[in-house]
Amino acid sequence: MEISLDTAESIDGVQSLKMLVHRADPDDGARGPGLFQVTEAQAGQAFRVSFWVKNRGCRFRLRIDSETPESREPRNPIREIIDAETTGDDIWRQFVYTYTVPEHYGNIRFELNVVAPRDVMDR
């Protein structure tokens, strides 16, 4: 996978994150190339998760959930497989989700993994 900042194309601001994926694992998106972020949060707190994608033929897996150090078993997961039929091809599309952190959890995890390669640009 090649990762770069693209200053020629962005939906907002001056750059976007570009991922050029050569190989992916279609059977297990969690091991596929991608990115994730875990942010501290309070139980019961609601988040509006929003991102833009410009897809060029990729299929990718989205995961939004919470986990604990004792268990990576996700709680209240939002999981979706997104492909070029969903995003359109070579156009910017915004995705918006609402996620509420479950009781006894203190974080929100966002993860995006490519399961079938081509280009994905994320801003």
PDB file of N, CA and C in Angstrom:
ATOM      1  N   MET A   1       0.847  -1.170   0.000  1.00  0.00           N
ATOM      2  CA  MET A   1       0.000   0.000   0.000  1.00  0.00           C
ATOM      3  C   MET A   1       0.892   1.233   0.000  1.00  0.00           C
ATOM      4  N   GLU A   2       0.522   2.223  -0.782  1.00  0.00           N
ATOM      5  CA  GLU A   2       1.216   3.510  -0.810  1.00  0.00           C
ATOM      6  C   GLU A   2       0.273   4.563  -0.226  1.00  0.00           C
ATOM      7  N   ILE A   3       0.769   5.342   0.727  1.00  0.00           N
ATOM      8  CA  ILE A   3      -0.018   6.401   1.360  1.00  0.00           C
ATOM      9  C   ILE A   3       0.657   7.727   1.068  1.00  0.00           C
ATOM     10  N   SER A   4      -0.141   8.710   0.663  1.00  0.00           N
ATOM     11  CA  SER A   4       0.411  10.037   0.392  1.00  0.00           C
ATOM     12  C   SER A   4      -0.645  11.092   0.671  1.00  0.00           C
ATOM     13  N   LEU A   5      -0.199  12.328   0.759  1.00  0.00           N
ATOM     14  CA  LEU A   5      -1.108  13.459   0.857  1.00  0.00           C
ATOM     15  C   LEU A   5      -1.266  14.029  -0.539  1.00  0.00           C
ATOM     16  N   ASP A   6      -2.495  14.123  -0.989  1.00  0.00           N
ATOM     17  CA  ASP A   6      -2.786  14.606  -2.339  1.00  0.00           C
ATOM     18  C   ASP A   6      -3.247  16.058  -2.236  1.00  0.00           C
ATOM     19  N   THR A   7      -2.442  16.969  -2.771  1.00  0.00           N
ATOM     20  CA  THR A   7      -2.793  18.393  -2.722  1.00  0.00           C
ATOM     21  C   THR A   7      -3.549  18.834  -3.973  1.00  0.00           C
ATOM     22  N   ALA A   8      -3.706  17.942  -4.943  1.00  0.00           N
ATOM     23  CA  ALA A   8      -4.426  18.285  -6.173  1.00  0.00           C
ATOM     24  C   ALA A   8      -5.926  18.060  -6.022  1.00  0.00           C
ATOM     25  N   GLU A   9      -6.328  17.096  -5.180  1.00  0.00           N
ATOM     26  CA  GLU A   9      -7.748  16.784  -5.026  1.00  0.00           C
ATOM     27  C   GLU A   9      -8.120  16.716  -3.553  1.00  0.00           C
ATOM     28  N   SER A  10      -9.133  17.495  -3.177  1.00  0.00           N
ATOM     29  CA  SER A  10      -9.706  17.410  -1.834  1.00  0.00           C
ATOM     30  C   SER A  10     -11.110  17.979  -1.886  1.00  0.00           C
ATOM     31  N   ILE A  11     -11.926  17.551  -0.956  1.00  0.00           N
ATOM     32  CA  ILE A  11     -13.308  18.040  -0.911  1.00  0.00           C
ATOM     33  C   ILE A  11     -13.389  19.327  -0.090  1.00  0.00           C
ATOM     34  N   ASP A  12     -12.498  19.454   0.886  1.00  0.00           N
ATOM     35  CA  ASP A  12     -12.487  20.604   1.768  1.00  0.00           C
ATOM     36  C   ASP A  12     -11.051  20.777   2.240  1.00  0.00           C
ATOM     37  N   GLY A  13     -10.587  21.959   2.342  1.00  0.00           N
ATOM     38  CA  GLY A  13      -9.210  22.162   2.763  1.00  0.00           C
ATOM     39  C   GLY A  13      -8.256  22.074   1.586  1.00  0.00           C
ATOM     40  N   VAL A  14      -6.996  21.775   1.890  1.00  0.00           N
ATOM     41  CA  VAL A  14      -5.963  21.835   0.863  1.00  0.00           C
ATOM     42  C   VAL A  14      -5.386  20.474   0.479  1.00  0.00           C
ATOM     43  N   GLN A  15      -5.800  19.400   1.172  1.00  0.00           N
ATOM     44  CA  GLN A  15      -5.257  18.087   0.843  1.00  0.00           C
ATOM     45  C   GLN A  15      -6.200  16.972   1.279  1.00  0.00           C
ATOM     46  N   SER A  16      -5.949  15.787   0.747  1.00  0.00           N
ATOM     47  CA  SER A  16      -6.668  14.586   1.148  1.00  0.00           C
ATOM     48  C   SER A  16      -5.644  13.482   1.359  1.00  0.00           C
ATOM     49  N   LEU A  17      -6.051  12.459   2.087  1.00  0.00           N
ATOM     50  CA  LEU A  17      -5.199  11.288   2.279  1.00  0.00           C
ATOM     51  C   LEU A  17      -5.490  10.322   1.145  1.00  0.00           C
ATOM     52  N   LYS A  18      -4.448   9.902   0.444  1.00  0.00           N
ATOM     53  CA  LYS A  18      -4.618   8.984  -0.680  1.00  0.00           C
ATOM     54  C   LYS A  18      -3.971   7.659  -0.329  1.00  0.00           C
ATOM     55  N   MET A  19      -4.727   6.571  -0.529  1.00  0.00           N
ATOM     56  CA  MET A  19      -4.211   5.227  -0.324  1.00  0.00           C
ATOM     57  C   MET A  19      -4.294   4.481  -1.647  1.00  0.00           C
ATOM     58  N   LEU A  20      -3.153   4.069  -2.153  1.00  0.00           N
ATOM     59  CA  LEU A  20      -3.104   3.252  -3.358  1.00  0.00           C
ATOM     60  C   LEU A  20      -2.820   1.826  -2.888  1.00  0.00           C
ATOM     61  N   VAL A  21      -3.799   0.947  -3.051  1.00  0.00           N
ATOM     62  CA  VAL A  21      -3.727  -0.410  -2.511  1.00  0.00           C
ATOM     63  C   VAL A  21      -3.461  -1.388  -3.643  1.00  0.00           C
ATOM     64  N   HIS A  22      -2.425  -2.189  -3.471  1.00  0.00           N
ATOM     65  CA  HIS A  22      -2.046  -3.167  -4.484  1.00  0.00           C
ATOM     66  C   HIS A  22      -2.617  -4.551  -4.190  1.00  0.00           C
ATOM     67  N   ARG A  23      -2.701  -4.910  -2.884  1.00  0.00           N
ATOM     68  CA  ARG A  23      -3.227  -6.210  -2.472  1.00  0.00           C
ATOM     69  C   ARG A  23      -4.100  -6.030  -1.251  1.00  0.00           C
ATOM     70  N   ALA A  24      -5.123  -6.910  -1.125  1.00  0.00           N
ATOM     71  CA  ALA A  24      -6.001  -6.878   0.037  1.00  0.00           C
ATOM     72  C   ALA A  24      -6.436  -8.300   0.359  1.00  0.00           C
ATOM     73  N   ASP A  25      -6.995  -8.484   1.547  1.00  0.00           N
ATOM     74  CA  ASP A  25      -7.485  -9.783   1.985  1.00  0.00           C
ATOM     75  C   ASP A  25      -9.005  -9.754   1.975  1.00  0.00           C
ATOM     76  N   PRO A  26      -9.647 -10.296   0.925  1.00  0.00           N
ATOM     77  CA  PRO A  26     -11.100 -10.208   0.822  1.00  0.00           C
ATOM     78  C   PRO A  26     -11.836 -11.016   1.883  1.00  0.00           C
ATOM     79  N   ASP A  27     -11.160 -11.989   2.504  1.00  0.00           N
ATOM     80  CA  ASP A  27     -11.814 -12.832   3.502  1.00  0.00           C
ATOM     81  C   ASP A  27     -11.836 -12.202   4.885  1.00  0.00           C
ATOM     82  N   ASP A  28     -10.905 -11.304   5.167  1.00  0.00           N
ATOM     83  CA  ASP A  28     -10.821 -10.708   6.499  1.00  0.00           C
ATOM     84  C   ASP A  28     -10.372  -9.260   6.376  1.00  0.00           C
ATOM     85  N   GLY A  29     -11.326  -8.354   6.269  1.00  0.00           N
ATOM     86  CA  GLY A  29     -11.003  -6.943   6.105  1.00  0.00           C
ATOM     87  C   GLY A  29     -10.174  -6.368   7.227  1.00  0.00           C
ATOM     88  N   ALA A  30     -10.234  -6.967   8.433  1.00  0.00           N
ATOM     89  CA  ALA A  30      -9.472  -6.439   9.559  1.00  0.00           C
ATOM     90  C   ALA A  30      -7.971  -6.559   9.333  1.00  0.00           C
ATOM     91  N   ARG A  31      -7.540  -7.514   8.515  1.00  0.00           N
ATOM     92  CA  ARG A  31      -6.113  -7.656   8.229  1.00  0.00           C
ATOM     93  C   ARG A  31      -5.721  -6.933   6.954  1.00  0.00           C
ATOM     94  N   GLY A  32      -6.686  -6.359   6.287  1.00  0.00           N
ATOM     95  CA  GLY A  32      -6.398  -5.643   5.055  1.00  0.00           C
ATOM     96  C   GLY A  32      -5.801  -4.284   5.330  1.00  0.00           C
ATOM     97  N   PRO A  33      -5.206  -3.658   4.325  1.00  0.00           N
ATOM     98  CA  PRO A  33      -4.629  -2.325   4.501  1.00  0.00           C
ATOM     99  C   PRO A  33      -5.719  -1.309   4.831  1.00  0.00           C
ATOM    100  N   GLY A  34      -5.382  -0.356   5.645  1.00  0.00           N
ATOM    101  CA  GLY A  34      -6.361   0.656   6.004  1.00  0.00           C
ATOM    102  C   GLY A  34      -5.858   1.568   7.094  1.00  0.00           C
ATOM    103  N   LEU A  35      -6.794   2.151   7.823  1.00  0.00           N
ATOM    104  CA  LEU A  35      -6.466   3.082   8.886  1.00  0.00           C
ATOM    105  C   LEU A  35      -7.489   2.952   9.996  1.00  0.00           C
ATOM    106  N   PHE A  36      -7.082   3.345  11.210  1.00  0.00           N
ATOM    107  CA  PHE A  36      -8.026   3.360  12.320  1.00  0.00           C
ATOM    108  C   PHE A  36      -7.632   4.442  13.309  1.00  0.00           C
ATOM    109  N   GLN A  37      -8.589   4.814  14.153  1.00  0.00           N
ATOM    110  CA  GLN A  37      -8.339   5.768  15.222  1.00  0.00           C
ATOM    111  C   GLN A  37      -9.245   5.400  16.389  1.00  0.00           C
ATOM    112  N   VAL A  38      -8.688   5.392  17.600  1.00  0.00           N
ATOM    113  CA  VAL A  38      -9.451   5.179  18.818  1.00  0.00           C
ATOM    114  C   VAL A  38      -9.404   6.475  19.606  1.00  0.00           C
ATOM    115  N   THR A  39     -10.581   6.969  20.013  1.00  0.00           N
ATOM    116  CA  THR A  39     -10.695   8.228  20.732  1.00  0.00           C
ATOM    117  C   THR A  39     -11.398   7.995  22.056  1.00  0.00           C
ATOM    118  N   GLU A  40     -10.881   8.584  23.123  1.00  0.00           N
ATOM    119  CA  GLU A  40     -11.529   8.465  24.422  1.00  0.00           C
ATOM    120  C   GLU A  40     -12.910   9.110  24.368  1.00  0.00           C
ATOM    121  N   ALA A  41     -13.854   8.490  25.081  1.00  0.00           N
ATOM    122  CA  ALA A  41     -15.225   9.001  25.118  1.00  0.00           C
ATOM    123  C   ALA A  41     -15.901   8.491  26.382  1.00  0.00           C
ATOM    124  N   GLN A  42     -16.972   9.125  26.762  1.00  0.00           N
ATOM    125  CA  GLN A  42     -17.725   8.712  27.942  1.00  0.00           C
ATOM    126  C   GLN A  42     -18.900   7.839  27.523  1.00  0.00           C
ATOM    127  N   ALA A  43     -19.214   6.873  28.367  1.00  0.00           N
ATOM    128  CA  ALA A  43     -20.380   6.021  28.124  1.00  0.00           C
ATOM    129  C   ALA A  43     -21.626   6.890  27.965  1.00  0.00           C
ATOM    130  N   GLY A  44     -22.434   6.573  26.978  1.00  0.00           N
ATOM    131  CA  GLY A  44     -23.652   7.330  26.703  1.00  0.00           C
ATOM    132  C   GLY A  44     -23.450   8.510  25.769  1.00  0.00           C
ATOM    133  N   GLN A  45     -22.209   8.876  25.499  1.00  0.00           N
ATOM    134  CA  GLN A  45     -21.914  10.010  24.627  1.00  0.00           C
ATOM    135  C   GLN A  45     -22.197   9.628  23.167  1.00  0.00           C
ATOM    136  N   ALA A  46     -22.888  10.500  22.461  1.00  0.00           N
ATOM    137  CA  ALA A  46     -23.212  10.261  21.044  1.00  0.00           C
ATOM    138  C   ALA A  46     -22.233  11.024  20.165  1.00  0.00           C
ATOM    139  N   PHE A  47     -21.803  10.385  19.094  1.00  0.00           N
ATOM    140  CA  PHE A  47     -20.875  10.974  18.140  1.00  0.00           C
ATOM    141  C   PHE A  47     -21.512  11.011  16.762  1.00  0.00           C
ATOM    142  N   ARG A  48     -21.245  12.069  16.044  1.00  0.00           N
ATOM    143  CA  ARG A  48     -21.573  12.143  14.617  1.00  0.00           C
ATOM    144  C   ARG A  48     -20.259  11.884  13.895  1.00  0.00           C
ATOM    145  N   VAL A  49     -20.177  10.748  13.231  1.00  0.00           N
ATOM    146  CA  VAL A  49     -18.966  10.364  12.508  1.00  0.00           C
ATOM    147  C   VAL A  49     -19.208  10.668  11.037  1.00  0.00           C
ATOM    148  N   SER A  50     -18.373  11.520  10.468  1.00  0.00           N
ATOM    149  CA  SER A  50     -18.566  11.969   9.096  1.00  0.00           C
ATOM    150  C   SER A  50     -17.229  11.923   8.360  1.00  0.00           C
ATOM    151  N   PHE A  51     -17.248  11.431   7.133  1.00  0.00           N
ATOM    152  CA  PHE A  51     -16.042  11.413   6.317  1.00  0.00           C
ATOM    153  C   PHE A  51     -16.437  11.397   4.843  1.00  0.00           C
ATOM    154  N   TRP A  52     -15.513  11.834   4.016  1.00  0.00           N
ATOM    155  CA  TRP A  52     -15.697  11.857   2.569  1.00  0.00           C
ATOM    156  C   TRP A  52     -14.781  10.817   1.932  1.00  0.00           C
ATOM    157  N   VAL A  53     -15.248  10.167   0.886  1.00  0.00           N
ATOM    158  CA  VAL A  53     -14.450   9.181   0.159  1.00  0.00           C
ATOM    159  C   VAL A  53     -14.594   9.436  -1.331  1.00  0.00           C
ATOM    160  N   LYS A  54     -13.473   9.361  -2.026  1.00  0.00           N
ATOM    161  CA  LYS A  54     -13.478   9.340  -3.488  1.00  0.00           C
ATOM    162  C   LYS A  54     -12.927   7.975  -3.878  1.00  0.00           C
ATOM    163  N   ASN A  55     -13.780   7.136  -4.393  1.00  0.00           N
ATOM    164  CA  ASN A  55     -13.439   5.740  -4.646  1.00  0.00           C
ATOM    165  C   ASN A  55     -13.199   5.501  -6.132  1.00  0.00           C
ATOM    166  N   ARG A  56     -12.172   4.731  -6.404  1.00  0.00           N
ATOM    167  CA  ARG A  56     -11.871   4.348  -7.792  1.00  0.00           C
ATOM    168  C   ARG A  56     -11.844   2.827  -7.883  1.00  0.00           C
ATOM    169  N   GLY A  57     -13.009   2.225  -7.659  1.00  0.00           N
ATOM    170  CA  GLY A  57     -13.162   0.791  -7.843  1.00  0.00           C
ATOM    171  C   GLY A  57     -12.896  -0.075  -6.634  1.00  0.00           C
ATOM    172  N   CYS A  58     -12.554   0.489  -5.477  1.00  0.00           N
ATOM    173  CA  CYS A  58     -12.269  -0.298  -4.280  1.00  0.00           C
ATOM    174  C   CYS A  58     -13.543  -0.789  -3.601  1.00  0.00           C
ATOM    175  N   ARG A  59     -13.345  -1.817  -2.833  1.00  0.00           N
ATOM    176  CA  ARG A  59     -14.366  -2.296  -1.901  1.00  0.00           C
ATOM    177  C   ARG A  59     -13.713  -2.218  -0.529  1.00  0.00           C
ATOM    178  N   PHE A  60     -14.386  -1.575   0.441  1.00  0.00           N
ATOM    179  CA  PHE A  60     -13.774  -1.429   1.747  1.00  0.00           C
ATOM    180  C   PHE A  60     -14.765  -1.691   2.859  1.00  0.00           C
ATOM    181  N   ARG A  61     -14.225  -1.972   4.031  1.00  0.00           N
ATOM    182  CA  ARG A  61     -15.027  -2.293   5.210  1.00  0.00           C
ATOM    183  C   ARG A  61     -14.924  -1.153   6.201  1.00  0.00           C
ATOM    184  N   LEU A  62     -16.067  -0.687   6.678  1.00  0.00           N
ATOM    185  CA  LEU A  62     -16.148   0.356   7.696  1.00  0.00           C
ATOM    186  C   LEU A  62     -16.531  -0.292   9.017  1.00  0.00           C
ATOM    187  N   ARG A  63     -15.872   0.139  10.086  1.00  0.00           N
ATOM    188  CA  ARG A  63     -16.211  -0.344  11.430  1.00  0.00           C
ATOM    189  C   ARG A  63     -16.199   0.846  12.370  1.00  0.00           C
ATOM    190  N   ILE A  64     -17.291   1.039  13.102  1.00  0.00           N
ATOM    191  CA  ILE A  64     -17.372   2.041  14.162  1.00  0.00           C
ATOM    192  C   ILE A  64     -17.928   1.310  15.375  1.00  0.00           C
ATOM    193  N   ASP A  65     -17.166   1.292  16.472  1.00  0.00           N
ATOM    194  CA  ASP A  65     -17.632   0.606  17.676  1.00  0.00           C
ATOM    195  C   ASP A  65     -16.793   1.017  18.875  1.00  0.00           C
ATOM    196  N   SER A  66     -16.953   0.305  19.993  1.00  0.00           N
ATOM    197  CA  SER A  66     -16.176   0.531  21.212  1.00  0.00           C
ATOM    198  C   SER A  66     -15.596  -0.801  21.646  1.00  0.00           C
ATOM    199  N   GLU A  67     -14.487  -0.731  22.385  1.00  0.00           N
ATOM    200  CA  GLU A  67     -13.862  -1.946  22.900  1.00  0.00           C
ATOM    201  C   GLU A  67     -13.212  -1.626  24.242  1.00  0.00           C
ATOM    202  N   THR A  68     -12.824  -2.664  24.981  1.00  0.00           N
ATOM    203  CA  THR A  68     -12.119  -2.487  26.251  1.00  0.00           C
ATOM    204  C   THR A  68     -10.794  -3.228  26.172  1.00  0.00           C
ATOM    205  N   PRO A  69      -9.855  -2.922  27.070  1.00  0.00           N
ATOM    206  CA  PRO A  69      -8.588  -3.672  27.079  1.00  0.00           C
ATOM    207  C   PRO A  69      -8.809  -5.161  27.359  1.00  0.00           C
ATOM    208  N   GLU A  70      -9.849  -5.495  28.114  1.00  0.00           N
ATOM    209  CA  GLU A  70     -10.128  -6.880  28.464  1.00  0.00           C
ATOM    210  C   GLU A  70     -10.754  -7.651  27.307  1.00  0.00           C
ATOM    211  N   SER A  71     -11.474  -6.938  26.439  1.00  0.00           N
ATOM    212  CA  SER A  71     -12.190  -7.626  25.367  1.00  0.00           C
ATOM    213  C   SER A  71     -12.242  -6.749  24.135  1.00  0.00           C
ATOM    214  N   ARG A  72     -11.847  -7.311  22.999  1.00  0.00           N
ATOM    215  CA  ARG A  72     -11.973  -6.570  21.749  1.00  0.00           C
ATOM    216  C   ARG A  72     -13.324  -6.847  21.114  1.00  0.00           C
ATOM    217  N   GLU A  73     -14.187  -7.562  21.841  1.00  0.00           N
ATOM    218  CA  GLU A  73     -15.533  -7.823  21.333  1.00  0.00           C
ATOM    219  C   GLU A  73     -16.254  -6.484  21.213  1.00  0.00           C
ATOM    220  N   PRO A  74     -16.631  -6.095  20.004  1.00  0.00           N
ATOM    221  CA  PRO A  74     -17.242  -4.771  19.820  1.00  0.00           C
ATOM    222  C   PRO A  74     -18.633  -4.686  20.428  1.00  0.00           C
ATOM    223  N   ARG A  75     -18.979  -3.502  20.875  1.00  0.00           N
ATOM    224  CA  ARG A  75     -20.312  -3.232  21.408  1.00  0.00           C
ATOM    225  C   ARG A  75     -20.974  -2.162  20.544  1.00  0.00           C
ATOM    226  N   ASN A  76     -22.249  -2.355  20.272  1.00  0.00           N
ATOM    227  CA  ASN A  76     -23.017  -1.430  19.429  1.00  0.00           C
ATOM    228  C   ASN A  76     -22.321  -1.167  18.099  1.00  0.00           C
ATOM    229  N   PRO A  77     -21.871  -2.214  17.415  1.00  0.00           N
ATOM    230  CA  PRO A  77     -21.071  -1.949  16.208  1.00  0.00           C
ATOM    231  C   PRO A  77     -21.887  -1.410  15.041  1.00  0.00           C
ATOM    232  N   ILE A  78     -21.263  -0.544  14.281  1.00  0.00           N
ATOM    233  CA  ILE A  78     -21.734  -0.159  12.954  1.00  0.00           C
ATOM    234  C   ILE A  78     -20.716  -0.770  12.012  1.00  0.00           C
ATOM    235  N   ARG A  79     -21.155  -1.683  11.188  1.00  0.00           N
ATOM    236  CA  ARG A  79     -20.255  -2.330  10.226  1.00  0.00           C
ATOM    237  C   ARG A  79     -20.930  -2.309   8.876  1.00  0.00           C
ATOM    238  N   GLU A  80     -20.149  -1.987   7.875  1.00  0.00           N
ATOM    239  CA  GLU A  80     -20.709  -1.880   6.534  1.00  0.00           C
ATOM    240  C   GLU A  80     -19.613  -2.175   5.514  1.00  0.00           C
ATOM    241  N   ILE A  81     -19.983  -2.882   4.462  1.00  0.00           N
ATOM    242  CA  ILE A  81     -19.091  -3.062   3.320  1.00  0.00           C
ATOM    243  C   ILE A  81     -19.526  -2.035   2.282  1.00  0.00           C
ATOM    244  N   ILE A  82     -18.578  -1.247   1.805  1.00  0.00           N
ATOM    245  CA  ILE A  82     -18.877  -0.160   0.870  1.00  0.00           C
ATOM    246  C   ILE A  82     -18.065  -0.395  -0.399  1.00  0.00           C
ATOM    247  N   ASP A  83     -18.725  -0.318  -1.547  1.00  0.00           N
ATOM    248  CA  ASP A  83     -18.020  -0.532  -2.811  1.00  0.00           C
ATOM    249  C   ASP A  83     -18.336   0.597  -3.784  1.00  0.00           C
ATOM    250  N   ALA A  84     -17.821   0.484  -4.991  1.00  0.00           N
ATOM    251  CA  ALA A  84     -17.997   1.546  -5.986  1.00  0.00           C
ATOM    252  C   ALA A  84     -19.456   1.739  -6.371  1.00  0.00           C
ATOM    253  N   GLU A  85     -20.281   0.699  -6.267  1.00  0.00           N
ATOM    254  CA  GLU A  85     -21.708   0.869  -6.540  1.00  0.00           C
ATOM    255  C   GLU A  85     -22.348   1.795  -5.520  1.00  0.00           C
ATOM    256  N   THR A  86     -21.853   1.755  -4.272  1.00  0.00           N
ATOM    257  CA  THR A  86     -22.378   2.613  -3.206  1.00  0.00           C
ATOM    258  C   THR A  86     -21.826   4.026  -3.308  1.00  0.00           C
ATOM    259  N   THR A  87     -20.529   4.155  -3.578  1.00  0.00           N
ATOM    260  CA  THR A  87     -19.879   5.465  -3.561  1.00  0.00           C
ATOM    261  C   THR A  87     -20.002   6.213  -4.878  1.00  0.00           C
ATOM    262  N   GLY A  88     -20.243   5.478  -5.956  1.00  0.00           N
ATOM    263  CA  GLY A  88     -20.067   6.062  -7.271  1.00  0.00           C
ATOM    264  C   GLY A  88     -18.597   5.914  -7.622  1.00  0.00           C
ATOM    265  N   ASP A  89     -18.256   6.074  -8.858  1.00  0.00           N
ATOM    266  CA  ASP A  89     -16.864   5.876  -9.266  1.00  0.00           C
ATOM    267  C   ASP A  89     -16.215   7.216  -9.575  1.00  0.00           C
ATOM    268  N   ASP A  90     -15.134   7.499  -8.860  1.00  0.00           N
ATOM    269  CA  ASP A  90     -14.325   8.686  -9.099  1.00  0.00           C
ATOM    270  C   ASP A  90     -15.051   9.993  -8.791  1.00  0.00           C
ATOM    271  N   ILE A  91     -15.954   9.953  -7.787  1.00  0.00           N
ATOM    272  CA  ILE A  91     -16.616  11.171  -7.300  1.00  0.00           C
ATOM    273  C   ILE A  91     -16.513  11.197  -5.775  1.00  0.00           C
ATOM    274  N   TRP A  92     -16.551  12.383  -5.182  1.00  0.00           N
ATOM    275  CA  TRP A  92     -16.535  12.505  -3.726  1.00  0.00           C
ATOM    276  C   TRP A  92     -17.919  12.200  -3.183  1.00  0.00           C
ATOM    277  N   ARG A  93     -17.988  11.393  -2.128  1.00  0.00           N
ATOM    278  CA  ARG A  93     -19.260  11.081  -1.471  1.00  0.00           C
ATOM    279  C   ARG A  93     -19.061  11.146   0.036  1.00  0.00           C
ATOM    280  N   GLN A  94     -20.002  11.784   0.717  1.00  0.00           N
ATOM    281  CA  GLN A  94     -19.929  11.899   2.173  1.00  0.00           C
ATOM    282  C   GLN A  94     -20.707  10.771   2.833  1.00  0.00           C
ATOM    283  N   PHE A  95     -20.143  10.235   3.914  1.00  0.00           N
ATOM    284  CA  PHE A  95     -20.801   9.233   4.740  1.00  0.00           C
ATOM    285  C   PHE A  95     -20.968   9.826   6.135  1.00  0.00           C
ATOM    286  N   VAL A  96     -22.161   9.659   6.727  1.00  0.00           N
ATOM    287  CA  VAL A  96     -22.445  10.203   8.052  1.00  0.00           C
ATOM    288  C   VAL A  96     -23.130   9.113   8.877  1.00  0.00           C
ATOM    289  N   TYR A  97     -22.615   8.887  10.081  1.00  0.00           N
ATOM    290  CA  TYR A  97     -23.174   7.889  10.989  1.00  0.00           C
ATOM    291  C   TYR A  97     -23.288   8.508  12.379  1.00  0.00           C
ATOM    292  N   THR A  98     -24.237   8.011  13.166  1.00  0.00           N
ATOM    293  CA  THR A  98     -24.350   8.397  14.567  1.00  0.00           C
ATOM    294  C   THR A  98     -24.045   7.166  15.407  1.00  0.00           C
ATOM    295  N   TYR A  99     -23.142   7.331  16.360  1.00  0.00           N
ATOM    296  CA  TYR A  99     -22.740   6.222  17.218  1.00  0.00           C
ATOM    297  C   TYR A  99     -22.798   6.669  18.670  1.00  0.00           C
ATOM    298  N   THR A 100     -23.434   5.854  19.526  1.00  0.00           N
ATOM    299  CA  THR A 100     -23.502   6.133  20.954  1.00  0.00           C
ATOM    300  C   THR A 100     -22.638   5.120  21.696  1.00  0.00           C
ATOM    301  N   VAL A 101     -21.727   5.619  22.519  1.00  0.00           N
ATOM    302  CA  VAL A 101     -20.823   4.764  23.288  1.00  0.00           C
ATOM    303  C   VAL A 101     -21.648   4.003  24.329  1.00  0.00           C
ATOM    304  N   PRO A 102     -21.520   2.667  24.374  1.00  0.00           N
ATOM    305  CA  PRO A 102     -22.309   1.876  25.316  1.00  0.00           C
ATOM    306  C   PRO A 102     -21.828   2.034  26.766  1.00  0.00           C
ATOM    307  N   GLU A 103     -22.684   1.625  27.699  1.00  0.00           N
ATOM    308  CA  GLU A 103     -22.341   1.657  29.123  1.00  0.00           C
ATOM    309  C   GLU A 103     -21.065   0.854  29.370  1.00  0.00           C
ATOM    310  N   HIS A 104     -20.243   1.347  30.296  1.00  0.00           N
ATOM    311  CA  HIS A 104     -19.008   0.682  30.725  1.00  0.00           C
ATOM    312  C   HIS A 104     -17.897   0.725  29.664  1.00  0.00           C
ATOM    313  N   TYR A 105     -18.039   1.560  28.648  1.00  0.00           N
ATOM    314  CA  TYR A 105     -16.996   1.698  27.639  1.00  0.00           C
ATOM    315  C   TYR A 105     -16.509   3.142  27.640  1.00  0.00           C
ATOM    316  N   GLY A 106     -15.245   3.333  27.309  1.00  0.00           N
ATOM    317  CA  GLY A 106     -14.664   4.666  27.373  1.00  0.00           C
ATOM    318  C   GLY A 106     -13.992   5.107  26.095  1.00  0.00           C
ATOM    319  N   ASN A 107     -14.480   4.583  24.933  1.00  0.00           N
ATOM    320  CA  ASN A 107     -13.856   5.006  23.686  1.00  0.00           C
ATOM    321  C   ASN A 107     -14.779   4.756  22.505  1.00  0.00           C
ATOM    322  N   ILE A 108     -14.375   5.324  21.383  1.00  0.00           N
ATOM    323  CA  ILE A 108     -15.012   5.047  20.095  1.00  0.00           C
ATOM    324  C   ILE A 108     -13.873   4.714  19.129  1.00  0.00           C
ATOM    325  N   ARG A 109     -14.085   3.676  18.322  1.00  0.00           N
ATOM    326  CA  ARG A 109     -13.074   3.230  17.358  1.00  0.00           C
ATOM    327  C   ARG A 109     -13.644   3.389  15.950  1.00  0.00           C
ATOM    328  N   PHE A 110     -12.862   4.041  15.077  1.00  0.00           N
ATOM    329  CA  PHE A 110     -13.200   4.181  13.662  1.00  0.00           C
ATOM    330  C   PHE A 110     -12.144   3.406  12.888  1.00  0.00           C
ATOM    331  N   GLU A 111     -12.583   2.548  11.970  1.00  0.00           N
ATOM    332  CA  GLU A 111     -11.644   1.754  11.186  1.00  0.00           C
ATOM    333  C   GLU A 111     -12.150   1.630   9.756  1.00  0.00           C
ATOM    334  N   LEU A 112     -11.247   1.755   8.815  1.00  0.00           N
ATOM    335  CA  LEU A 112     -11.554   1.622   7.398  1.00  0.00           C
ATOM    336  C   LEU A 112     -10.484   0.721   6.789  1.00  0.00           C
ATOM    337  N   ASN A 113     -10.895  -0.441   6.254  1.00  0.00           N
ATOM    338  CA  ASN A 113      -9.952  -1.394   5.663  1.00  0.00           C
ATOM    339  C   ASN A 113     -10.379  -1.737   4.247  1.00  0.00           C
ATOM    340  N   VAL A 114      -9.424  -1.769   3.339  1.00  0.00           N
ATOM    341  CA  VAL A 114      -9.691  -2.124   1.951  1.00  0.00           C
ATOM    342  C   VAL A 114      -9.717  -3.651   1.833  1.00  0.00           C
ATOM    343  N   VAL A 115     -10.787  -4.187   1.228  1.00  0.00           N
ATOM    344  CA  VAL A 115     -10.896  -5.633   1.032  1.00  0.00           C
ATOM    345  C   VAL A 115     -10.759  -6.032  -0.432  1.00  0.00           C
ATOM    346  N   ALA A 116     -10.849  -5.079  -1.340  1.00  0.00           N
ATOM    347  CA  ALA A 116     -10.596  -5.320  -2.764  1.00  0.00           C
ATOM    348  C   ALA A 116      -9.910  -4.071  -3.311  1.00  0.00           C
ATOM    349  N   PRO A 117      -8.690  -4.214  -3.852  1.00  0.00           N
ATOM    350  CA  PRO A 117      -7.859  -3.047  -4.151  1.00  0.00           C
ATOM    351  C   PRO A 117      -8.256  -2.249  -5.376  1.00  0.00           C
ATOM    352  N   ARG A 118      -7.876  -1.037  -5.320  1.00  0.00           N
ATOM    353  CA  ARG A 118      -7.814   0.031  -6.313  1.00  0.00           C
ATOM    354  C   ARG A 118      -7.375   1.269  -5.556  1.00  0.00           C
ATOM    355  N   ASP A 119      -7.967   2.441  -5.798  1.00  0.00           N
ATOM    356  CA  ASP A 119      -7.634   3.671  -5.054  1.00  0.00           C
ATOM    357  C   ASP A 119      -8.761   3.997  -4.092  1.00  0.00           C
ATOM    358  N   VAL A 120      -8.409   4.536  -2.927  1.00  0.00           N
ATOM    359  CA  VAL A 120      -9.379   5.159  -2.019  1.00  0.00           C
ATOM    360  C   VAL A 120      -8.749   6.448  -1.551  1.00  0.00           C
ATOM    361  N   MET A 121      -9.502   7.537  -1.598  1.00  0.00           N
ATOM    362  CA  MET A 121      -9.020   8.815  -1.065  1.00  0.00           C
ATOM    363  C   MET A 121      -9.960   9.189   0.050  1.00  0.00           C
ATOM    364  N   ASP A 122      -9.412   9.609   1.180  1.00  0.00           N
ATOM    365  CA  ASP A 122     -10.217   9.910   2.363  1.00  0.00           C
ATOM    366  C   ASP A 122      -9.850  11.288   2.861  1.00  0.00           C
ATOM    367  N   ARG A 123     -10.841  12.043   3.215  1.00  0.00           N
ATOM    368  CA  ARG A 123     -10.613  13.384   3.757  1.00  0.00           C
ATOM    369  C   ARG A 123     -11.443  13.519   4.994  1.00  0.00           C
TER     370      ARG A 123
END
